[in-house]
Each structure stands twice: as C-alpha cells, then as structure tokens.
C-alpha cells in the first residue's frame, strides 16, 4: 500500500520536471528569437544563431548518457545505461552525420558525428560491463510500471513466465502484454 503513494509522488515529480524543461525550452527559444530581432541579423546570421542553439541542445542530449560512465567503470555494471537507446543514438547520429557531410552543413554533421561517437562508447561499456542485478526497468525503479496505462515492458512473472496482472514490469520481452 505504501508503494502507491510513492509511485504517485514519483509521477508528480516527473511531471513537474517535464513541465519545467518545457517552459525552460520555450523561454530559451523566445530569448534566442529576441536576440535575433534585436541584433537585426540577416538570414546567414539567423542560421548561425539558431544552428548554434540547436547544436548546444543536441550536445546536452548526446552527452547525457556519458554522465553515468564513471559509475559504470567504478561498479563494473552498466545498469545505468540503456543500451537500446545508446544503439539507436549511434544509428541516428551516424545517419545525420553522413547527411550533414553530404550537404556540407557543419551544424548538422559535426554534432551528430560527435554524438554517435559518444554513444559508441556507451554501447561498448554496455557489453564490456554487463548489467548486474536489478535492471532499471524492474520493480519500483520505473514509476511508469505502476501506472494503469500502456506498458511496453513485460508483465510476465520473471520466475514462472506466467502472465501477471498487476505485477511490476520487468526487464524482458517487449510488447508481450
């Protein structure tokens, strides 16, 4: 019974964080727009201003998994990394890198190439230091597993393989609800 309020509290904290990120992004875009207007930039200047903004945001996105690499090294456990996301970031970054280089658009090519390289490092760490113990998708670690909404994680019992009704989601087969 105590897990329900904790899950609800975690859900509310996640909503607050997402709202703050959204409002921060809106404020950032508004300020960048004002800077462009106040500086009376031409088309090339606006492209540079918005390109630099996009590169900064993309750098934060691609560098986010790197924040847990020290923990992975120290514990020899990659549970803090989500290897499917890192793998898709490698593919996405590589494709955008090739596209940017084909167009000779450095705002597209360079940051995506760097991001792909960062995520190659994360994927290597995932295989060099396999996840031990509980996955991030097990139990109360994933508050979304307790919501009565679409679940992408397995709802099968990890011991028996039987379908579980309201059991916490476990790391395992996706879409087998």
C-alpha atoms as a PDB file:
ATOM      1  CA  UNK A   1       0.000   0.000   0.000  1.00  0.00           C
ATOM      2  CA  UNK A   2       2.926   2.335   0.652  1.00  0.00           C
ATOM      3  CA  UNK A   3       4.180   1.859  -2.924  1.00  0.00           C
ATOM      4  CA  UNK A   4       1.127   3.559  -4.434  1.00  0.00           C
ATOM      5  CA  UNK A   5       1.767   6.974  -2.836  1.00  0.00           C
ATOM      6  CA  UNK A   6       5.475   6.655  -3.639  1.00  0.00           C
ATOM      7  CA  UNK A   7       4.665   5.890  -7.267  1.00  0.00           C
ATOM      8  CA  UNK A   8       2.193   8.763  -7.408  1.00  0.00           C
ATOM      9  CA  UNK A   9       4.767  11.087  -5.852  1.00  0.00           C
ATOM     10  CA  UNK A  10       7.383   9.972  -8.379  1.00  0.00           C
ATOM     11  CA  UNK A  11       4.840  10.513 -11.170  1.00  0.00           C
ATOM     12  CA  UNK A  12       4.151  14.045  -9.946  1.00  0.00           C
ATOM     13  CA  UNK A  13       7.873  14.798  -9.668  1.00  0.00           C
ATOM     14  CA  UNK A  14       8.380  13.562 -13.230  1.00  0.00           C
ATOM     15  CA  UNK A  15       5.503  15.751 -14.442  1.00  0.00           C
ATOM     16  CA  UNK A  16       6.995  18.771 -12.647  1.00  0.00           C
ATOM     17  CA  UNK A  17      10.402  18.110 -14.192  1.00  0.00           C
ATOM     18  CA  UNK A  18       8.931  17.747 -17.688  1.00  0.00           C
ATOM     19  CA  UNK A  19       6.883  20.929 -17.275  1.00  0.00           C
ATOM     20  CA  UNK A  20       9.975  22.844 -16.140  1.00  0.00           C
ATOM     21  CA  UNK A  21      12.026  21.536 -19.064  1.00  0.00           C
ATOM     22  CA  UNK A  22       9.270  22.528 -21.495  1.00  0.00           C
ATOM     23  CA  UNK A  23       8.928  26.012 -20.008  1.00  0.00           C
ATOM     24  CA  UNK A  24      12.706  26.433 -19.990  1.00  0.00           C
ATOM     25  CA  UNK A  25      12.865  25.470 -23.660  1.00  0.00           C
ATOM     26  CA  UNK A  26      10.078  27.920 -24.518  1.00  0.00           C
ATOM     27  CA  UNK A  27      11.919  30.674 -22.655  1.00  0.00           C
ATOM     28  CA  UNK A  28      15.190  29.792 -24.394  1.00  0.00           C
ATOM     29  CA  UNK A  29      13.570  29.908 -27.843  1.00  0.00           C
ATOM     30  CA  UNK A  30      11.856  33.200 -27.019  1.00  0.00           C
ATOM     31  CA  UNK A  31      15.156  34.745 -25.870  1.00  0.00           C
ATOM     32  CA  UNK A  32      17.009  33.464 -28.954  1.00  0.00           C
ATOM     33  CA  UNK A  33      14.270  34.970 -31.128  1.00  0.00           C
ATOM     34  CA  UNK A  34      14.587  38.303 -29.323  1.00  0.00           C
ATOM     35  CA  UNK A  35      18.363  38.258 -29.733  1.00  0.00           C
ATOM     36  CA  UNK A  36      17.921  37.662 -33.467  1.00  0.00           C
ATOM     37  CA  UNK A  37      15.458  40.547 -33.723  1.00  0.00           C
ATOM     38  CA  UNK A  38      17.456  42.952 -31.543  1.00  0.00           C
ATOM     39  CA  UNK A  39      20.673  42.263 -33.443  1.00  0.00           C
ATOM     40  CA  UNK A  40      18.808  42.664 -36.779  1.00  0.00           C
ATOM     41  CA  UNK A  41      20.557  39.581 -38.124  1.00  0.00           C
ATOM     42  CA  UNK A  42      20.329  38.688 -41.779  1.00  0.00           C
ATOM     43  CA  UNK A  43      19.426  35.171 -42.950  1.00  0.00           C
ATOM     44  CA  UNK A  44      23.002  33.904 -42.559  1.00  0.00           C
ATOM     45  CA  UNK A  45      23.252  35.367 -39.058  1.00  0.00           C
ATOM     46  CA  UNK A  46      19.929  33.817 -38.025  1.00  0.00           C
ATOM     47  CA  UNK A  47      21.038  30.473 -39.420  1.00  0.00           C
ATOM     48  CA  UNK A  48      24.202  30.676 -37.327  1.00  0.00           C
ATOM     49  CA  UNK A  49      22.313  31.746 -34.181  1.00  0.00           C
ATOM     50  CA  UNK A  50      19.670  29.001 -34.425  1.00  0.00           C
ATOM     51  CA  UNK A  51      22.247  26.456 -35.578  1.00  0.00           C
ATOM     52  CA  UNK A  52      24.408  27.154 -32.533  1.00  0.00           C
ATOM     53  CA  UNK A  53      21.334  26.830 -30.290  1.00  0.00           C
ATOM     54  CA  UNK A  54      20.411  23.501 -31.871  1.00  0.00           C
ATOM     55  CA  UNK A  55      23.989  22.247 -31.514  1.00  0.00           C
ATOM     56  CA  UNK A  56      24.021  23.158 -27.818  1.00  0.00           C
ATOM     57  CA  UNK A  57      20.742  21.329 -27.184  1.00  0.00           C
ATOM     58  CA  UNK A  58      21.924  18.319 -29.192  1.00  0.00           C
ATOM     59  CA  UNK A  59      25.202  18.228 -27.257  1.00  0.00           C
ATOM     60  CA  UNK A  60      23.276  18.016 -23.981  1.00  0.00           C
ATOM     61  CA  UNK A  61      21.118  15.215 -25.406  1.00  0.00           C
ATOM     62  CA  UNK A  62      24.015  13.151 -26.730  1.00  0.00           C
ATOM     63  CA  UNK A  63      26.214  13.738 -23.674  1.00  0.00           C
ATOM     64  CA  UNK A  64      23.540  12.756 -21.129  1.00  0.00           C
ATOM     65  CA  UNK A  65      24.454   9.026 -21.064  1.00  0.00           C
ATOM     66  CA  UNK A  66      28.115   9.942 -20.523  1.00  0.00           C
ATOM     67  CA  UNK A  67      27.268  11.218 -17.035  1.00  0.00           C
ATOM     68  CA  UNK A  68      26.982   7.640 -15.759  1.00  0.00           C
ATOM     69  CA  UNK A  69      30.181   6.255 -17.327  1.00  0.00           C
ATOM     70  CA  UNK A  70      32.257   6.870 -14.182  1.00  0.00           C
ATOM     71  CA  UNK A  71      29.678   4.897 -12.194  1.00  0.00           C
ATOM     72  CA  UNK A  72      29.746   2.103 -14.785  1.00  0.00           C
ATOM     73  CA  UNK A  73      33.541   1.918 -14.577  1.00  0.00           C
ATOM     74  CA  UNK A  74      33.632   2.021 -10.781  1.00  0.00           C
ATOM     75  CA  UNK A  75      30.934  -0.626 -10.315  1.00  0.00           C
ATOM     76  CA  UNK A  76      31.675  -2.662 -13.458  1.00  0.00           C
ATOM     77  CA  UNK A  77      27.900  -2.603 -14.042  1.00  0.00           C
ATOM     78  CA  UNK A  78      26.107  -0.954 -16.974  1.00  0.00           C
ATOM     79  CA  UNK A  79      22.626  -0.986 -15.408  1.00  0.00           C
ATOM     80  CA  UNK A  80      22.593   2.814 -15.509  1.00  0.00           C
ATOM     81  CA  UNK A  81      22.930   2.773 -19.321  1.00  0.00           C
ATOM     82  CA  UNK A  82      20.064   1.818 -21.622  1.00  0.00           C
ATOM     83  CA  UNK A  83      21.830   0.020 -24.453  1.00  0.00           C
ATOM     84  CA  UNK A  84      18.918   0.072 -26.960  1.00  0.00           C
ATOM     85  CA  UNK A  85      18.735   3.873 -26.661  1.00  0.00           C
ATOM     86  CA  UNK A  86      22.518   4.198 -26.991  1.00  0.00           C
ATOM     87  CA  UNK A  87      22.462   1.918 -30.047  1.00  0.00           C
ATOM     88  CA  UNK A  88      19.693   3.933 -31.696  1.00  0.00           C
ATOM     89  CA  UNK A  89      21.630   7.133 -30.925  1.00  0.00           C
ATOM     90  CA  UNK A  90      24.629   5.666 -32.764  1.00  0.00           C
ATOM     91  CA  UNK A  91      22.474   4.869 -35.806  1.00  0.00           C
ATOM     92  CA  UNK A  92      20.658   8.217 -35.707  1.00  0.00           C
ATOM     93  CA  UNK A  93      23.834  10.238 -35.201  1.00  0.00           C
ATOM     94  CA  UNK A  94      25.666   8.384 -37.948  1.00  0.00           C
ATOM     95  CA  UNK A  95      22.868   8.919 -40.477  1.00  0.00           C
ATOM     96  CA  UNK A  96      22.621  12.631 -39.663  1.00  0.00           C
ATOM     97  CA  UNK A  97      26.424  12.910 -39.774  1.00  0.00           C
ATOM     98  CA  UNK A  98      26.513  11.444 -43.280  1.00  0.00           C
ATOM     99  CA  UNK A  99      23.627  13.673 -44.376  1.00  0.00           C
ATOM    100  CA  UNK A 100      25.270  16.780 -42.919  1.00  0.00           C
ATOM    101  CA  UNK A 101      28.588  15.993 -44.578  1.00  0.00           C
ATOM    102  CA  UNK A 102      26.843  15.372 -47.910  1.00  0.00           C
ATOM    103  CA  UNK A 103      25.280  18.836 -47.684  1.00  0.00           C
ATOM    104  CA  UNK A 104      28.442  20.332 -46.180  1.00  0.00           C
ATOM    105  CA  UNK A 105      26.264  21.578 -43.319  1.00  0.00           C
ATOM    106  CA  UNK A 106      28.518  21.581 -40.283  1.00  0.00           C
ATOM    107  CA  UNK A 107      25.655  22.361 -37.884  1.00  0.00           C
ATOM    108  CA  UNK A 108      24.116  19.023 -38.832  1.00  0.00           C
ATOM    109  CA  UNK A 109      27.159  16.842 -39.450  1.00  0.00           C
ATOM    110  CA  UNK A 110      29.671  17.608 -36.716  1.00  0.00           C
ATOM    111  CA  UNK A 111      27.487  17.458 -33.585  1.00  0.00           C
ATOM    112  CA  UNK A 112      25.749  14.305 -34.787  1.00  0.00           C
ATOM    113  CA  UNK A 113      29.075  12.644 -35.565  1.00  0.00           C
ATOM    114  CA  UNK A 114      30.357  13.508 -32.104  1.00  0.00           C
ATOM    115  CA  UNK A 115      27.101  12.257 -30.571  1.00  0.00           C
ATOM    116  CA  UNK A 116      27.358   8.985 -32.475  1.00  0.00           C
ATOM    117  CA  UNK A 117      30.929   8.555 -31.216  1.00  0.00           C
ATOM    118  CA  UNK A 118      29.847   9.274 -27.619  1.00  0.00           C
ATOM    119  CA  UNK A 119      27.159   6.630 -27.869  1.00  0.00           C
ATOM    120  CA  UNK A 120      29.538   4.084 -29.413  1.00  0.00           C
ATOM    121  CA  UNK A 121      31.498   4.442 -26.167  1.00  0.00           C
ATOM    122  CA  UNK A 122      28.304   3.818 -24.173  1.00  0.00           C
ATOM    123  CA  UNK A 123      27.425   0.709 -26.216  1.00  0.00           C
ATOM    124  CA  UNK A 124      30.963  -0.645 -25.738  1.00  0.00           C
ATOM    125  CA  UNK A 125      30.597  -0.105 -21.976  1.00  0.00           C
ATOM    126  CA  UNK A 126      27.239  -1.911 -22.024  1.00  0.00           C
ATOM    127  CA  UNK A 127      28.873  -5.012 -23.479  1.00  0.00           C
ATOM    128  CA  UNK A 128      32.154  -4.711 -21.566  1.00  0.00           C
ATOM    129  CA  UNK A 129      30.359  -4.371 -18.211  1.00  0.00           C
ATOM    130  CA  UNK A 130      27.035  -6.245 -18.465  1.00  0.00           C
ATOM    131  CA  UNK A 131      24.191  -5.133 -16.209  1.00  0.00           C
ATOM    132  CA  UNK A 132      24.113  -6.920 -12.869  1.00  0.00           C
ATOM    133  CA  UNK A 133      21.183  -7.483 -10.548  1.00  0.00           C
ATOM    134  CA  UNK A 134      18.095  -5.383 -10.975  1.00  0.00           C
ATOM    135  CA  UNK A 135      17.549  -3.602 -14.222  1.00  0.00           C
ATOM    136  CA  UNK A 136      16.240  -0.050 -14.245  1.00  0.00           C
ATOM    137  CA  UNK A 137      13.012  -1.481 -15.653  1.00  0.00           C
ATOM    138  CA  UNK A 138      12.310  -3.720 -12.670  1.00  0.00           C
ATOM    139  CA  UNK A 139      10.122  -3.018  -9.703  1.00  0.00           C
ATOM    140  CA  UNK A 140       9.536   0.458  -8.362  1.00  0.00           C
ATOM    141  CA  UNK A 141      12.653   1.815 -10.059  1.00  0.00           C
ATOM    142  CA  UNK A 142      10.430   2.580 -13.040  1.00  0.00           C
ATOM    143  CA  UNK A 143       7.409   4.538 -11.718  1.00  0.00           C
ATOM    144  CA  UNK A 144       5.651   4.158 -15.087  1.00  0.00           C
ATOM    145  CA  UNK A 145       5.413   0.423 -14.432  1.00  0.00           C
ATOM    146  CA  UNK A 146       2.791   1.134 -11.772  1.00  0.00           C
ATOM    147  CA  UNK A 147       0.566   3.329 -13.940  1.00  0.00           C
ATOM    148  CA  UNK A 148      -2.534   1.828 -15.460  1.00  0.00           C
ATOM    149  CA  UNK A 149      -1.522   2.874 -18.964  1.00  0.00           C
ATOM    150  CA  UNK A 150       0.103   1.160 -21.919  1.00  0.00           C
ATOM    151  CA  UNK A 151       3.096  -0.819 -20.734  1.00  0.00           C
ATOM    152  CA  UNK A 152       5.925  -1.616 -23.079  1.00  0.00           C
ATOM    153  CA  UNK A 153       7.758  -3.779 -20.585  1.00  0.00           C
ATOM    154  CA  UNK A 154       6.888  -7.372 -19.981  1.00  0.00           C
ATOM    155  CA  UNK A 155       4.120  -8.081 -17.477  1.00  0.00           C
ATOM    156  CA  UNK A 156       5.104 -11.709 -17.221  1.00  0.00           C
ATOM    157  CA  UNK A 157       6.250 -13.095 -13.899  1.00  0.00           C
ATOM    158  CA  UNK A 158      10.078 -13.227 -14.018  1.00  0.00           C
ATOM    159  CA  UNK A 159      10.194 -16.598 -12.226  1.00  0.00           C
ATOM    160  CA  UNK A 160       7.384 -18.559 -13.841  1.00  0.00           C
ATOM    161  CA  UNK A 161       6.914 -16.737 -17.135  1.00  0.00           C
ATOM    162  CA  UNK A 162       3.161 -16.617 -16.481  1.00  0.00           C
ATOM    163  CA  UNK A 163       1.219 -13.506 -17.293  1.00  0.00           C
ATOM    164  CA  UNK A 164       0.989 -11.249 -14.258  1.00  0.00           C
ATOM    165  CA  UNK A 165      -1.913  -8.905 -13.718  1.00  0.00           C
ATOM    166  CA  UNK A 166      -0.608  -6.023 -11.649  1.00  0.00           C
ATOM    167  CA  UNK A 167       2.933  -7.235 -11.073  1.00  0.00           C
ATOM    168  CA  UNK A 168       5.692  -4.684 -11.566  1.00  0.00           C
ATOM    169  CA  UNK A 169       7.088  -4.579 -15.056  1.00  0.00           C
ATOM    170  CA  UNK A 170      10.295  -6.481 -15.524  1.00  0.00           C
ATOM    171  CA  UNK A 171      13.096  -6.183 -17.993  1.00  0.00           C
ATOM    172  CA  UNK A 172      12.338  -8.697 -20.651  1.00  0.00           C
ATOM    173  CA  UNK A 173      10.351  -9.135 -23.811  1.00  0.00           C
ATOM    174  CA  UNK A 174       8.623  -6.020 -25.026  1.00  0.00           C
ATOM    175  CA  UNK A 175       5.023  -5.934 -26.208  1.00  0.00           C
ATOM    176  CA  UNK A 176       4.052  -9.281 -24.677  1.00  0.00           C
ATOM    177  CA  UNK A 177       1.117  -7.916 -22.691  1.00  0.00           C
END
